[in-house]
């Protein structure tokens, strides 16, 4: 006997999807796709492998991502490749590649598989799927409003109520003008923005000390803190959302978002508790990035979009009992139950006939007793059973039994088909 066996544990930070888990994942994907397409978005996709240069191209801005968070390796052709950590650079590359052929504005969405080497924690893993939606080729705030409206409607379509989440909005361009007026340099603005992105994770004192290191001027730091504390301003995007009926919105100058490529509107949607307080869980985030395609060509194409990960969303849906029981019911509609294993093939023939009539059916070919097979069909959520014995096999007359009402219908396959499809 072998002394050591390979562990059954999956790689740290990724998930196995057993049938019930996979059915929940497909439920999430289905809502994502249907909602995007109801807004006129078209689906695209790409390989999970990208040349590493795609992420190195932005230099110091992407240094942490490239050096610490990506899965990067050299392939057999001596090319350095990376498992994509995000989708925005990929879609920007795709748009740039066919820029002269495409008809703008584009409304594109995808559900990519993404990888980041970071410490697994609640709501964040090393591998996840993400709902990405982008509008390319429109500078108008209507694109920003439509993108956020799509994010809003997606959550609503999961059964999440508006009072269960808060849409926080800021404007990078506006904040840059404010910081320049205070006297910050471009480098200092980038540093303050990165600091603000983790402001909620550190104490007020640590924030102040870090700010002082950036500005090297306590008076300037106090002015920044004072400006960030003011909440009486609004933006045209916030006002526009209110006009289309989306009111669970907060303009927040503290919102930063981590990516350097954002140039205008930025937004984040956070879960809130029954008292209306933020729980610290972000359900999605995004913003406007008008210069990203300049990595690939002189002509820039404006873009605005968001990403919604499946990990935090699934946890939220489960905690709030928003996954319908029918989602995890992966049983066929009808279970054929042979009374003896010698009738297994006969049952398979009947199942094949029913499937040709567009009926979902499976066959219990185990060696268990008939009563146990019936119990198992009920536990798995099947609606009907057909027990196949010698009499049924010889006469081609079967009894269809409802497991919920105990109602029975007896007849040939055509008779049963009318009941099942009726």
Protein backbone atom coordinates (compact mmCIF):
# COMPACT_ATOMS: atom_id res chain seq x y z
CA UNK A 1 0.00 0.00 0.00
CA UNK A 2 1.22 3.49 -0.80
CA UNK A 3 2.55 5.28 2.29
CA UNK A 4 1.88 8.86 1.18
CA UNK A 5 -1.07 10.13 -0.83
CA UNK A 6 -1.47 13.48 -2.53
CA UNK A 7 -3.54 15.88 -0.47
CA UNK A 8 -7.17 16.38 -1.48
CA UNK A 9 -6.95 20.07 -0.55
CA UNK A 10 -7.21 22.56 -3.40
CA UNK A 11 -4.51 25.17 -3.98
CA UNK A 12 -4.63 27.89 -1.31
CA UNK A 13 -6.93 30.75 -2.21
CA UNK A 14 -8.96 28.98 -4.92
CA UNK A 15 -12.22 27.04 -4.78
CA UNK A 16 -13.59 23.69 -5.84
CA UNK A 17 -17.10 23.92 -7.22
CA UNK A 18 -19.16 20.90 -6.26
CA UNK A 19 -22.53 20.70 -8.07
CA UNK A 20 -24.38 22.88 -5.53
CA UNK A 21 -21.60 25.49 -5.61
CA UNK A 22 -21.46 25.40 -9.40
CA UNK A 23 -25.22 25.90 -9.63
CA UNK A 24 -24.95 29.04 -7.46
CA UNK A 25 -22.11 30.29 -9.62
CA UNK A 26 -24.14 29.77 -12.78
CA UNK A 27 -27.08 31.56 -11.17
CA UNK A 28 -24.82 34.56 -10.52
CA UNK A 29 -23.40 34.45 -14.04
CA UNK A 30 -26.89 34.25 -15.51
CA UNK A 31 -28.12 37.37 -13.70
CA UNK A 32 -24.97 39.21 -14.71
CA UNK A 33 -25.36 38.33 -18.39
CA UNK A 34 -29.10 38.95 -18.61
CA UNK A 35 -28.79 42.35 -16.95
CA UNK A 36 -25.90 43.50 -19.15
CA UNK A 37 -27.68 42.38 -22.29
CA UNK A 38 -30.87 44.16 -21.19
CA UNK A 39 -28.78 47.36 -21.36
CA UNK A 40 -27.58 46.48 -24.87
CA UNK A 41 -24.13 45.25 -23.86
CA UNK A 42 -22.38 42.61 -25.99
CA UNK A 43 -20.26 39.85 -24.48
CA UNK A 44 -16.55 39.47 -25.27
CA UNK A 45 -13.79 37.29 -23.85
CA UNK A 46 -10.05 36.63 -24.08
CA UNK A 47 -7.44 34.17 -22.86
CA UNK A 48 -6.40 34.19 -19.20
CA UNK A 49 -2.78 34.41 -20.45
CA UNK A 50 -1.35 37.80 -21.37
CA UNK A 51 2.19 38.96 -22.19
CA UNK A 52 3.66 40.31 -18.96
CA UNK A 53 4.58 43.55 -20.75
CA UNK A 54 0.88 44.45 -20.71
CA UNK A 55 1.10 45.00 -16.95
CA UNK A 56 4.70 46.26 -16.83
CA UNK A 57 4.06 48.99 -19.38
CA UNK A 58 2.81 51.52 -16.86
CA UNK A 59 6.06 51.26 -14.87
CA UNK A 60 6.06 52.38 -11.25
CA UNK A 61 2.29 52.83 -11.20
CA UNK A 62 1.87 49.07 -11.55
CA UNK A 63 4.96 48.00 -9.63
CA UNK A 64 3.14 46.42 -6.67
CA UNK A 65 0.74 44.52 -8.93
CA UNK A 66 3.51 43.21 -11.20
CA UNK A 67 6.12 42.38 -8.57
CA UNK A 68 3.96 41.11 -5.74
CA UNK A 69 0.48 40.09 -6.91
CA UNK A 70 0.73 38.45 -10.32
CA UNK A 71 1.21 34.83 -11.31
CA UNK A 72 4.03 35.28 -13.84
CA UNK A 73 6.22 32.65 -15.50
CA UNK A 74 8.36 32.01 -18.56
CA UNK A 75 6.80 29.65 -21.09
CA UNK A 76 8.61 27.01 -23.15
CA UNK A 77 9.23 29.59 -25.87
CA UNK A 78 11.09 31.79 -23.36
CA UNK A 79 8.25 34.33 -23.30
CA UNK A 80 7.19 35.89 -20.00
CA UNK A 81 3.45 35.53 -19.50
CA UNK A 82 1.02 36.41 -16.72
CA UNK A 83 -2.32 35.01 -15.61
CA UNK A 84 -4.48 38.11 -15.93
CA UNK A 85 -5.05 39.89 -12.60
CA UNK A 86 -7.65 42.27 -14.05
CA UNK A 87 -9.56 42.68 -17.31
CA UNK A 88 -9.30 46.38 -18.09
CA UNK A 89 -5.84 46.25 -19.75
CA UNK A 90 -7.01 43.30 -21.86
CA UNK A 91 -10.14 45.01 -23.14
CA UNK A 92 -8.16 48.20 -23.78
CA UNK A 93 -5.73 46.14 -25.87
CA UNK A 94 -8.60 44.55 -27.79
CA UNK A 95 -10.26 47.90 -28.49
CA UNK A 96 -6.97 49.44 -29.62
CA UNK A 97 -6.28 46.49 -31.93
CA UNK A 98 -9.46 47.09 -33.96
CA UNK A 99 -9.99 50.74 -33.20
CA UNK A 100 -10.49 51.75 -36.84
CA UNK A 101 -13.00 48.97 -37.48
CA UNK A 102 -15.22 49.38 -34.43
CA UNK A 103 -18.34 51.53 -34.27
CA UNK A 104 -18.35 53.65 -31.11
CA UNK A 105 -19.65 53.89 -28.48
CA UNK A 106 -19.09 50.26 -27.53
CA UNK A 107 -21.01 48.55 -24.76
CA UNK A 108 -19.08 45.42 -23.83
CA UNK A 109 -19.21 43.00 -20.91
CA UNK A 110 -17.38 39.85 -19.85
CA UNK A 111 -17.13 37.40 -16.95
CA UNK A 112 -13.38 36.73 -16.78
CA UNK A 113 -11.47 34.40 -14.48
CA UNK A 114 -8.83 36.53 -12.65
CA UNK A 115 -5.77 35.68 -10.54
CA UNK A 116 -3.91 37.63 -7.86
CA UNK A 117 -1.29 36.34 -5.48
CA UNK A 118 -2.42 37.91 -2.21
CA UNK A 119 -3.41 36.77 1.25
CA UNK A 120 -6.78 34.97 1.08
CA UNK A 121 -9.36 36.55 3.38
CA UNK A 122 -13.11 36.97 3.71
CA UNK A 123 -14.49 38.22 0.41
CA UNK A 124 -11.12 38.00 -1.36
CA UNK A 125 -9.33 34.98 -2.85
CA UNK A 126 -6.42 34.38 -5.20
CA UNK A 127 -8.75 33.36 -8.00
CA UNK A 128 -12.19 34.72 -8.73
CA UNK A 129 -14.61 35.57 -11.50
CA UNK A 130 -15.63 39.14 -12.16
CA UNK A 131 -18.48 40.86 -13.98
CA UNK A 132 -16.81 43.53 -16.13
CA UNK A 133 -18.86 46.13 -17.99
CA UNK A 134 -17.41 49.01 -20.01
CA UNK A 135 -18.59 51.75 -22.35
CA UNK A 136 -15.88 52.86 -24.78
CA UNK A 137 -15.92 55.95 -26.98
CA UNK A 138 -18.14 58.41 -25.10
CA UNK A 139 -16.89 61.38 -23.07
CA UNK A 140 -20.39 62.39 -21.98
CA UNK A 141 -21.47 61.95 -18.36
CA UNK A 142 -24.44 59.98 -19.69
CA UNK A 143 -21.99 57.06 -20.13
CA UNK A 144 -20.92 57.35 -16.48
CA UNK A 145 -24.56 57.45 -15.36
CA UNK A 146 -25.54 54.50 -17.55
CA UNK A 147 -22.62 52.41 -16.26
CA UNK A 148 -23.55 53.06 -12.63
CA UNK A 149 -27.22 52.45 -13.44
CA UNK A 150 -26.24 49.05 -14.86
CA UNK A 151 -24.35 48.22 -11.67
CA UNK A 152 -27.37 49.33 -9.62
CA UNK A 153 -29.83 47.28 -11.68
CA UNK A 154 -27.63 44.20 -11.46
CA UNK A 155 -27.83 44.25 -7.67
CA UNK A 156 -31.59 44.91 -7.81
CA UNK A 157 -32.02 41.89 -10.12
CA UNK A 158 -30.47 39.68 -7.44
CA UNK A 159 -33.22 40.79 -5.07
CA UNK A 160 -30.98 43.22 -3.17
CA UNK A 161 -32.93 46.28 -2.01
CA UNK A 162 -31.66 49.84 -2.47
CA UNK A 163 -31.43 50.33 1.29
CA UNK A 164 -28.98 47.41 1.49
CA UNK A 165 -26.23 49.16 -0.45
CA UNK A 166 -24.72 52.61 -0.91
CA UNK A 167 -23.20 53.99 -4.10
CA UNK A 168 -20.23 56.22 -3.24
CA UNK A 169 -18.99 58.56 -5.95
CA UNK A 170 -16.00 60.86 -6.37
CA UNK A 171 -14.24 62.56 -9.26
CA UNK A 172 -10.49 62.12 -9.76
CA UNK A 173 -10.22 65.16 -12.06
CA UNK A 174 -11.99 67.38 -9.54
CA UNK A 175 -9.82 66.08 -6.70
CA UNK A 176 -6.69 66.76 -8.74
CA UNK A 177 -7.75 70.37 -9.23
CA UNK A 178 -8.35 70.69 -5.47
CA UNK A 179 -4.99 69.17 -4.58
CA UNK A 180 -3.15 71.38 -7.08
CA UNK A 181 -4.86 74.43 -5.59
CA UNK A 182 -3.65 73.36 -2.14
CA UNK A 183 -0.12 73.16 -3.53
CA UNK A 184 0.54 69.43 -3.98
CA UNK A 185 2.81 68.22 -6.76
CA UNK A 186 1.72 65.49 -9.24
CA UNK A 187 3.78 62.94 -7.31
CA UNK A 188 2.24 64.00 -4.00
CA UNK A 189 -1.27 63.78 -5.48
CA UNK A 190 -0.64 60.16 -6.50
CA UNK A 191 0.68 59.37 -3.02
CA UNK A 192 -2.29 61.02 -1.27
CA UNK A 193 -4.69 59.15 -3.55
CA UNK A 194 -3.06 55.81 -2.67
CA UNK A 195 -3.18 56.74 1.03
CA UNK A 196 -6.88 57.63 0.79
CA UNK A 197 -7.56 54.25 -0.82
CA UNK A 198 -6.63 52.55 2.46
CA UNK A 199 -7.87 55.27 4.78
CA UNK A 200 -10.65 53.11 6.23
CA UNK A 201 -8.13 50.41 7.18
CA UNK A 202 -5.90 52.60 9.36
CA UNK A 203 -6.46 54.85 12.38
CA UNK A 204 -7.00 58.59 12.08
CA UNK A 205 -3.65 59.18 13.76
CA UNK A 206 -1.78 56.86 11.38
CA UNK A 207 -3.52 58.55 8.47
CA UNK A 208 -2.42 61.98 9.68
CA UNK A 209 1.18 60.82 10.21
CA UNK A 210 1.31 59.27 6.73
CA UNK A 211 -0.16 62.43 5.21
CA UNK A 212 2.48 64.54 6.93
CA UNK A 213 5.21 62.37 5.43
CA UNK A 214 3.80 62.98 1.96
CA UNK A 215 3.23 66.73 2.26
CA UNK A 216 6.12 67.53 4.64
CA UNK A 217 3.85 70.34 5.76
CA UNK A 218 1.39 69.92 8.66
CA UNK A 219 -0.60 72.98 7.61
CA UNK A 220 -1.08 71.52 4.13
CA UNK A 221 -2.08 68.19 5.67
CA UNK A 222 -4.72 69.87 7.82
CA UNK A 223 -6.10 71.64 4.77
CA UNK A 224 -6.41 68.30 2.94
CA UNK A 225 -8.19 66.74 5.94
CA UNK A 226 -10.56 69.72 6.10
CA UNK A 227 -11.35 69.51 2.37
CA UNK A 228 -11.99 65.77 2.58
CA UNK A 229 -14.33 66.34 5.51
CA UNK A 230 -16.65 68.61 3.54
CA UNK A 231 -19.62 66.72 2.12
CA UNK A 232 -21.89 69.49 0.82
CA UNK A 233 -20.80 69.30 -2.82
CA UNK A 234 -22.34 67.23 -5.59
CA UNK A 235 -21.35 66.25 -9.12
CA UNK A 236 -23.34 66.14 -12.33
CA UNK A 237 -23.15 62.33 -12.18
CA UNK A 238 -24.77 62.25 -8.73
CA UNK A 239 -27.49 64.65 -9.89
CA UNK A 240 -27.99 62.63 -13.07
CA UNK A 241 -28.44 59.42 -11.10
CA UNK A 242 -31.08 61.10 -8.98
CA UNK A 243 -32.91 62.09 -12.16
CA UNK A 244 -33.13 58.44 -13.24
CA UNK A 245 -34.42 57.41 -9.82
CA UNK A 246 -31.22 56.19 -8.15
CA UNK A 247 -31.02 57.95 -4.81
CA UNK A 248 -28.91 55.69 -2.55
CA UNK A 249 -25.88 57.73 -3.60
CA UNK A 250 -23.25 59.57 -1.56
CA UNK A 251 -20.66 61.99 -2.93
CA UNK A 252 -17.49 61.21 -0.98
CA UNK A 253 -14.22 63.04 -1.60
CA UNK A 254 -12.38 60.40 0.47
CA UNK A 255 -13.10 57.73 -2.15
CA UNK A 256 -9.93 57.02 -4.11
CA UNK A 257 -9.99 53.59 -5.84
CA UNK A 258 -6.60 51.98 -6.18
CA UNK A 259 -5.87 52.03 -9.91
CA UNK A 260 -3.87 54.94 -11.29
CA UNK A 261 -5.54 54.85 -14.68
CA UNK A 262 -8.79 56.45 -13.46
CA UNK A 263 -9.13 60.00 -14.77
CA UNK A 264 -12.63 61.18 -13.84
CA UNK A 265 -15.66 59.67 -12.12
CA UNK A 266 -14.86 56.88 -9.68
CA UNK A 267 -17.43 54.88 -7.74
CA UNK A 268 -17.78 52.05 -5.28
CA UNK A 269 -20.83 50.20 -4.02
CA UNK A 270 -20.73 49.13 -0.39
CA UNK A 271 -23.11 46.91 1.55
CA UNK A 272 -24.94 48.56 4.47
CA UNK A 273 -26.58 47.01 7.51
CA UNK A 274 -30.18 47.40 8.69
CA UNK A 275 -29.24 50.66 10.42
CA UNK A 276 -27.91 52.10 7.19
CA UNK A 277 -24.25 51.87 8.25
CA UNK A 278 -21.58 50.62 5.87
CA UNK A 279 -20.37 47.11 6.66
CA UNK A 280 -16.97 47.60 5.07
CA UNK A 281 -17.79 45.16 2.27
CA UNK A 282 -17.42 46.52 -1.26
CA UNK A 283 -19.68 44.76 -3.77
CA UNK A 284 -18.22 46.46 -6.85
CA UNK A 285 -16.18 49.41 -8.02
CA UNK A 286 -15.17 51.26 -11.14
CA UNK A 287 -14.65 54.55 -12.85
CA UNK A 288 -13.65 56.51 -15.94
CA UNK A 289 -10.30 55.92 -17.63
CA UNK A 290 -9.81 58.09 -20.67
CA UNK A 291 -6.15 57.42 -21.47
CA UNK A 292 -5.66 53.67 -21.13
CA UNK A 293 -5.68 52.84 -24.84
CA UNK A 294 -2.75 55.26 -25.31
CA UNK A 295 -0.54 52.38 -24.21
CA UNK A 296 -1.21 50.88 -27.64
CA UNK A 297 -1.67 53.82 -30.02
CA UNK A 298 -1.48 57.60 -30.23
CA UNK A 299 -5.24 57.87 -30.54
CA UNK A 300 -6.97 57.57 -27.17
CA UNK A 301 -10.40 56.05 -26.66
CA UNK A 302 -12.34 57.10 -23.59
CA UNK A 303 -13.76 54.43 -21.32
CA UNK A 304 -15.86 53.99 -18.21
CA UNK A 305 -16.62 50.71 -16.49
CA UNK A 306 -16.83 48.59 -13.36
CA UNK A 307 -15.96 45.17 -11.99
CA UNK A 308 -18.11 43.07 -9.62
CA UNK A 309 -16.45 40.01 -8.09
CA UNK A 310 -18.28 36.76 -7.44
CA UNK A 311 -16.74 36.04 -4.01
CA UNK A 312 -18.07 39.00 -2.00
CA UNK A 313 -21.35 38.96 -3.93
CA UNK A 314 -21.97 35.25 -3.23
CA UNK A 315 -21.27 35.74 0.48
CA UNK A 316 -23.71 38.66 0.59
CA UNK A 317 -26.43 36.74 -1.27
CA UNK A 318 -26.10 33.72 1.01
CA UNK A 319 -26.10 35.80 4.20
CA UNK A 320 -29.26 37.59 3.07
CA UNK A 321 -30.96 34.38 1.82
CA UNK A 322 -31.15 35.69 -1.75
CA UNK A 323 -30.19 32.41 -3.47
CA UNK A 324 -33.48 30.69 -4.43
CA UNK A 325 -33.74 27.06 -3.29
CA UNK A 326 -34.47 26.03 -6.86
CA UNK A 327 -30.97 27.21 -7.86
CA UNK A 328 -29.23 24.47 -5.89
CA UNK A 329 -31.67 21.84 -7.09
CA UNK A 330 -29.68 20.20 -9.86
CA UNK A 331 -31.90 17.12 -10.09
CA UNK A 332 -33.57 16.12 -13.31
CA UNK A 333 -37.31 16.72 -13.52
CA UNK A 334 -38.03 12.98 -13.79
CA UNK A 335 -36.16 10.05 -12.21
CA UNK A 336 -36.57 6.62 -13.75
CA UNK A 337 -36.27 3.89 -11.12
CA UNK A 338 -35.59 0.33 -12.33
CA UNK A 339 -36.83 -2.22 -9.76
CA UNK A 340 -33.91 -4.51 -10.62
CA UNK A 341 -30.53 -3.88 -12.22
CA UNK A 342 -31.43 -6.14 -15.13
CA UNK A 343 -33.90 -3.39 -16.09
CA UNK A 344 -31.28 -0.62 -16.13
CA UNK A 345 -30.86 -0.71 -19.89
CA UNK A 346 -34.63 -0.70 -20.40
CA UNK A 347 -34.84 2.38 -18.19
CA UNK A 348 -32.10 4.04 -20.24
CA UNK A 349 -34.11 3.43 -23.40
CA UNK A 350 -37.19 5.06 -21.84
CA UNK A 351 -35.04 7.98 -20.64
CA UNK A 352 -33.65 8.48 -24.13
CA UNK A 353 -37.19 8.61 -25.55
CA UNK A 354 -38.28 11.18 -22.95
CA UNK A 355 -35.21 13.34 -23.60
CA UNK A 356 -36.07 13.39 -27.29
CA UNK A 357 -39.36 14.98 -26.15
CA UNK A 358 -37.43 17.79 -24.34
CA UNK A 359 -37.95 16.33 -20.86
CA UNK A 360 -35.19 16.42 -18.25
CA UNK A 361 -34.69 12.89 -16.97
CA UNK A 362 -32.12 10.71 -15.23
CA UNK A 363 -31.97 7.04 -14.32
CA UNK A 364 -31.07 5.58 -10.94
CA UNK A 365 -28.88 2.64 -11.93
CA UNK A 366 -27.68 1.91 -8.38
CA UNK A 367 -28.19 -1.43 -6.61
CA UNK A 368 -30.25 0.13 -3.80
CA UNK A 369 -33.76 -0.98 -3.00
CA UNK A 370 -36.64 0.71 -4.79
CA UNK A 371 -37.82 2.53 -1.65
CA UNK A 372 -34.38 4.02 -1.09
CA UNK A 373 -34.20 5.14 -4.71
CA UNK A 374 -37.53 6.93 -4.34
CA UNK A 375 -36.36 8.64 -1.13
CA UNK A 376 -33.16 9.73 -2.85
CA UNK A 377 -35.08 11.20 -5.80
CA UNK A 378 -37.23 13.20 -3.35
CA UNK A 379 -34.19 14.46 -1.42
CA UNK A 380 -32.51 15.62 -4.61
CA UNK A 381 -35.57 17.66 -5.58
CA UNK A 382 -36.94 15.67 -8.50
CA UNK A 383 -40.57 16.41 -9.33
CA UNK A 384 -41.61 13.02 -10.72
CA UNK A 385 -40.61 9.37 -10.69
CA UNK A 386 -41.38 6.47 -12.98
CA UNK A 387 -40.82 3.00 -11.51
CA UNK A 388 -39.85 0.46 -14.17
CA UNK A 389 -40.60 -3.20 -13.43
CA UNK A 390 -41.09 -6.24 -15.63
CA UNK A 391 -44.78 -5.39 -16.19
CA UNK A 392 -43.97 -1.87 -17.37
CA UNK A 393 -41.15 -3.16 -19.56
CA UNK A 394 -43.40 -5.69 -21.29
CA UNK A 395 -46.48 -3.47 -21.71
CA UNK A 396 -44.78 -0.07 -22.38
CA UNK A 397 -47.37 1.39 -20.00
CA UNK A 398 -45.87 3.42 -17.17
CA UNK A 399 -47.01 5.30 -14.09
CA UNK A 400 -45.78 8.87 -13.57
CA UNK A 401 -45.94 9.87 -9.91
CA UNK A 402 -45.66 13.39 -8.53
CA UNK A 403 -43.42 13.44 -5.45
CA UNK A 404 -45.07 16.59 -4.12
CA UNK A 405 -48.77 15.79 -4.59
CA UNK A 406 -48.63 11.96 -4.86
CA UNK A 407 -50.82 12.30 -7.98
CA UNK A 408 -50.34 9.48 -10.50
CA UNK A 409 -50.89 9.33 -14.25
CA UNK A 410 -50.69 5.99 -16.10
CA UNK A 411 -50.24 5.59 -19.85
CA UNK A 412 -47.76 5.26 -22.66
CA UNK A 413 -44.86 7.69 -23.22
CA UNK A 414 -47.01 10.08 -25.29
CA UNK A 415 -49.60 10.26 -22.49
CA UNK A 416 -46.93 10.99 -19.88
CA UNK A 417 -45.28 13.55 -22.14
CA UNK A 418 -48.51 15.55 -22.32
CA UNK A 419 -48.67 15.62 -18.53
CA UNK A 420 -45.04 16.65 -18.18
CA UNK A 421 -45.16 19.36 -20.81
CA UNK A 422 -48.68 20.47 -20.02
